[in-house]
Protein backbone atom coordinates (compact mmCIF):
# COMPACT_ATOMS: atom_id res chain seq x y z
CA MET A 1 -12.62 25.61 2.46
CA PRO A 2 -12.79 26.40 -1.27
CA THR A 3 -15.99 27.84 -2.73
CA PHE A 4 -17.27 27.46 -6.28
CA LYS A 5 -15.72 30.75 -7.37
CA ASN A 6 -12.27 29.45 -6.36
CA PHE A 7 -12.38 26.72 -9.02
CA ASN A 8 -10.89 27.50 -12.42
CA ILE A 9 -12.03 26.38 -15.87
CA ALA A 10 -9.74 23.32 -15.87
CA ASP A 11 -11.24 22.24 -12.53
CA TRP A 12 -14.73 22.46 -14.01
CA PHE A 13 -13.78 20.08 -16.83
CA SER A 14 -12.61 17.64 -14.15
CA PHE A 15 -15.88 18.20 -12.27
CA TYR A 16 -17.80 17.26 -15.40
CA ARG A 17 -16.33 13.75 -15.27
CA ILE A 18 -17.45 13.41 -11.66
CA LEU A 19 -20.90 14.97 -12.22
CA ALA A 20 -21.52 12.76 -15.28
CA VAL A 21 -21.51 9.62 -13.10
CA PRO A 22 -25.29 9.46 -12.42
CA LEU A 23 -26.09 9.99 -16.11
CA LEU A 24 -23.64 7.29 -17.21
CA LEU A 25 -24.97 4.85 -14.61
CA LEU A 26 -28.56 5.53 -15.76
CA LEU A 27 -27.58 4.86 -19.36
CA ILE A 28 -26.03 1.55 -18.30
CA TRP A 29 -29.12 0.70 -16.26
CA PHE A 30 -31.40 1.31 -19.25
CA GLU A 31 -28.93 -0.54 -21.52
CA GLU A 32 -28.42 2.48 -23.76
CA ARG A 33 -25.07 1.29 -25.07
CA ARG A 34 -24.68 3.83 -27.87
CA LEU A 35 -25.61 6.86 -25.74
CA PHE A 36 -23.45 5.60 -22.88
CA THR A 37 -20.47 5.28 -25.22
CA TRP A 38 -20.89 8.79 -26.64
CA PHE A 39 -21.13 10.33 -23.16
CA LEU A 40 -18.14 8.27 -22.03
CA LEU A 41 -16.25 9.67 -25.03
CA ILE A 42 -17.14 13.20 -23.83
CA SER A 43 -15.82 12.35 -20.36
CA TYR A 44 -12.55 11.07 -21.80
CA SER A 45 -12.31 14.20 -23.97
CA THR A 46 -12.63 16.48 -20.94
CA ASP A 47 -9.59 14.70 -19.48
CA ALA A 48 -7.48 15.86 -22.40
CA ILE A 49 -8.98 19.36 -22.30
CA ASP A 50 -8.52 20.07 -18.58
CA GLY A 51 -4.82 19.19 -18.57
CA TYR A 52 -4.19 21.25 -21.71
CA LEU A 53 -6.04 24.28 -20.28
CA ALA A 54 -4.27 24.05 -16.91
CA ARG A 55 -0.85 24.07 -18.60
CA LYS A 56 -1.73 26.65 -21.27
CA LEU A 57 -3.32 29.10 -18.82
CA LYS A 58 -0.74 28.33 -16.10
CA ILE A 59 -3.45 27.43 -13.60
CA THR A 60 -2.11 24.09 -12.42
CA SER A 61 -2.63 23.34 -8.74
CA ALA A 62 -2.53 20.47 -6.25
CA ARG A 63 -6.35 20.66 -6.02
CA GLY A 64 -6.64 20.49 -9.81
CA SER A 65 -4.31 17.48 -9.94
CA GLN A 66 -6.41 15.68 -7.34
CA LEU A 67 -9.66 16.50 -9.15
CA ASP A 68 -8.14 15.32 -12.43
CA SER A 69 -6.98 12.03 -10.87
CA MET A 70 -10.38 11.48 -9.24
CA GLY A 71 -12.14 12.15 -12.54
CA ASP A 72 -9.77 9.76 -14.33
CA GLN A 73 -10.37 6.95 -11.83
CA ILE A 74 -14.15 7.40 -11.89
CA THR A 75 -14.22 7.44 -15.70
CA LEU A 76 -12.11 4.27 -15.86
CA VAL A 77 -14.39 2.48 -13.38
CA LEU A 78 -17.50 3.52 -15.35
CA GLY A 79 -15.86 2.34 -18.57
CA LEU A 80 -15.18 -1.04 -16.95
CA ILE A 81 -18.75 -1.26 -15.69
CA GLY A 82 -19.94 -0.48 -19.22
CA LEU A 83 -17.73 -3.25 -20.61
CA TRP A 84 -19.03 -5.67 -17.97
CA VAL A 85 -22.64 -4.94 -18.92
CA PHE A 86 -22.33 -4.57 -22.71
CA GLU A 87 -19.42 -6.96 -23.45
CA ASN A 88 -19.94 -9.48 -20.67
CA THR A 89 -18.79 -12.52 -22.64
CA PHE A 90 -15.48 -10.85 -23.56
CA ILE A 91 -14.90 -9.75 -19.95
CA ARG A 92 -15.67 -13.22 -18.56
CA ASP A 93 -13.38 -14.87 -21.12
CA ASN A 94 -10.49 -12.54 -20.15
CA LEU A 95 -11.14 -12.13 -16.43
CA LEU A 96 -7.73 -13.52 -15.41
CA LEU A 97 -5.79 -11.03 -17.56
CA ILE A 98 -7.97 -8.17 -16.36
CA ALA A 99 -7.36 -9.21 -12.74
CA ILE A 100 -3.59 -9.33 -13.39
CA ALA A 101 -3.78 -5.67 -14.42
CA PHE A 102 -6.43 -4.49 -11.95
CA VAL A 103 -5.32 -6.12 -8.66
CA PRO A 104 -1.92 -4.33 -8.62
CA TYR A 105 -3.79 -1.07 -9.37
CA ILE A 106 -5.97 -1.59 -6.27
CA PHE A 107 -2.80 -2.44 -4.30
CA GLN A 108 -1.19 0.81 -5.51
CA MET A 109 -4.26 2.83 -4.45
CA LEU A 110 -4.20 1.27 -0.97
CA ILE A 111 -0.47 2.00 -0.53
CA ALA A 112 -1.04 5.64 -1.54
CA LEU A 113 -4.02 6.03 0.82
CA LYS A 114 -2.05 4.53 3.70
CA LYS A 115 1.04 6.67 3.05
CA TYR A 116 -0.46 9.97 1.88
CA GLY A 117 -4.09 9.76 2.96
CA LYS A 118 -5.16 10.29 -0.66
CA ALA A 119 -4.60 9.00 -4.19
CA THR A 120 -1.45 9.87 -6.10
CA ALA A 121 -1.39 12.57 -8.77
CA PHE A 122 2.00 11.86 -10.34
CA HIS A 123 0.65 12.18 -13.91
CA THR A 124 3.68 10.39 -15.37
CA TYR A 125 4.25 10.03 -19.09
CA LEU A 126 3.55 6.31 -18.74
CA ALA A 127 0.28 7.07 -16.92
CA LYS A 128 -0.78 9.31 -19.80
CA VAL A 129 0.03 6.61 -22.37
CA SER A 130 -1.81 4.04 -20.24
CA ALA A 131 -4.87 6.31 -19.96
CA VAL A 132 -4.95 6.80 -23.73
CA MET A 133 -4.67 3.04 -24.30
CA GLN A 134 -7.44 2.31 -21.77
CA ALA A 135 -9.74 4.93 -23.28
CA SER A 136 -8.98 3.72 -26.81
CA PHE A 137 -9.68 0.09 -25.95
CA ILE A 138 -12.84 0.77 -23.93
CA LEU A 139 -14.33 3.15 -26.51
CA TRP A 140 -13.36 1.00 -29.51
CA THR A 141 -14.87 -2.07 -27.84
CA LEU A 142 -18.09 -0.28 -26.95
CA PHE A 143 -18.45 1.24 -30.44
CA PHE A 144 -17.22 -1.66 -32.59
CA GLY A 145 -16.36 -4.71 -30.47
CA PRO A 146 -13.12 -5.95 -28.84
CA VAL A 147 -9.76 -6.04 -30.64
CA TYR A 148 -7.36 -8.42 -28.91
CA TRP A 149 -4.02 -6.79 -29.84
CA LEU A 150 -5.26 -3.49 -28.40
CA PHE A 151 -6.44 -5.31 -25.28
CA TYR A 152 -3.02 -6.95 -24.75
CA VAL A 153 -1.12 -3.68 -25.30
CA MET A 154 -3.43 -1.94 -22.80
CA ILE A 155 -2.81 -4.67 -20.18
CA VAL A 156 0.99 -4.58 -20.55
CA ILE A 157 1.21 -0.78 -20.41
CA GLY A 158 -1.23 -0.69 -17.48
CA VAL A 159 0.87 -3.14 -15.45
CA LEU A 160 4.10 -1.23 -16.22
CA GLU A 161 2.44 2.05 -15.24
CA THR A 162 1.20 0.59 -11.95
CA ILE A 163 4.68 -0.72 -11.12
CA GLU A 164 6.09 2.74 -11.82
CA GLU A 165 3.43 4.39 -9.59
CA ILE A 166 4.21 2.01 -6.71
CA THR A 167 7.93 2.70 -7.12
CA LEU A 168 7.29 6.46 -7.03
CA ILE A 169 5.20 6.12 -3.86
CA PHE A 170 8.20 4.52 -2.16
CA MET A 171 10.50 7.23 -3.55
CA TYR A 172 8.48 10.15 -2.14
CA ASP A 173 7.87 10.43 1.60
CA VAL A 174 5.27 13.17 1.12
CA TRP A 175 2.55 13.64 -1.51
CA VAL A 176 3.68 15.49 -4.63
CA GLU A 177 2.08 16.17 -7.99
CA ASP A 178 3.29 16.00 -11.56
CA VAL A 179 6.28 13.65 -11.63
CA LYS A 180 7.13 12.68 -15.21
CA GLY A 181 8.52 9.26 -14.26
CA ILE A 182 11.20 7.42 -12.28
CA TYR A 183 14.06 8.96 -14.29
CA TRP A 184 12.85 12.48 -13.46
CA ALA A 185 12.07 11.54 -9.84
CA LEU A 186 15.72 10.61 -9.29
CA LYS A 187 16.65 14.25 -10.01
CA ASP A 188 13.59 15.84 -8.40
CA LYS A 189 14.55 18.39 -5.74
CA ARG A 190 11.25 17.80 -3.92
CA ARG A 191 12.27 14.18 -3.26
CA VAL A 192 15.82 15.16 -2.26
CA GLU A 193 14.58 17.92 0.06
CA ASN A 194 12.15 15.58 1.80
CA THR A 195 14.74 12.87 2.47
CA THR A 196 17.35 15.16 4.07
């Protein structure tokens, strides 16, 4: 079992996103929209930092990928809770579109848990674009109010990314990390080795 000294600096940035949960929930509870948004921005920033550090310092690991994915999912959920509380009218007006994007995401998570026993950590290019779009929309909305074109782009990219993730789950019999996308998966030796 890993101890604290086994975690590297990139892991600790991922931990921040997980450890920030109580603070963010308290800020929502006390309806501190501005403070919540700034701390959410910090959480999103750590997502960019941990990946950069892991690649730059060559300290990538399966554990780090899992921590990063967990931090991403938690931050997204907190952002959505923040939108529900602070932009409730917008969320209610667009609930159907949000469900169209979110239900397949839940479906993808359940498939991964059933097949691998844990969430995926593919970190595809499309997932990175989707994460940037989600963060941009959530933060822009919380700071300035909703912008519909950004909302629609986020929904479309999110659905495409979820479809790609589900496809990759069916392409890999065992859990793997860091797959750039379907094109790269077709040539990935890890997939070929596990199917022979």
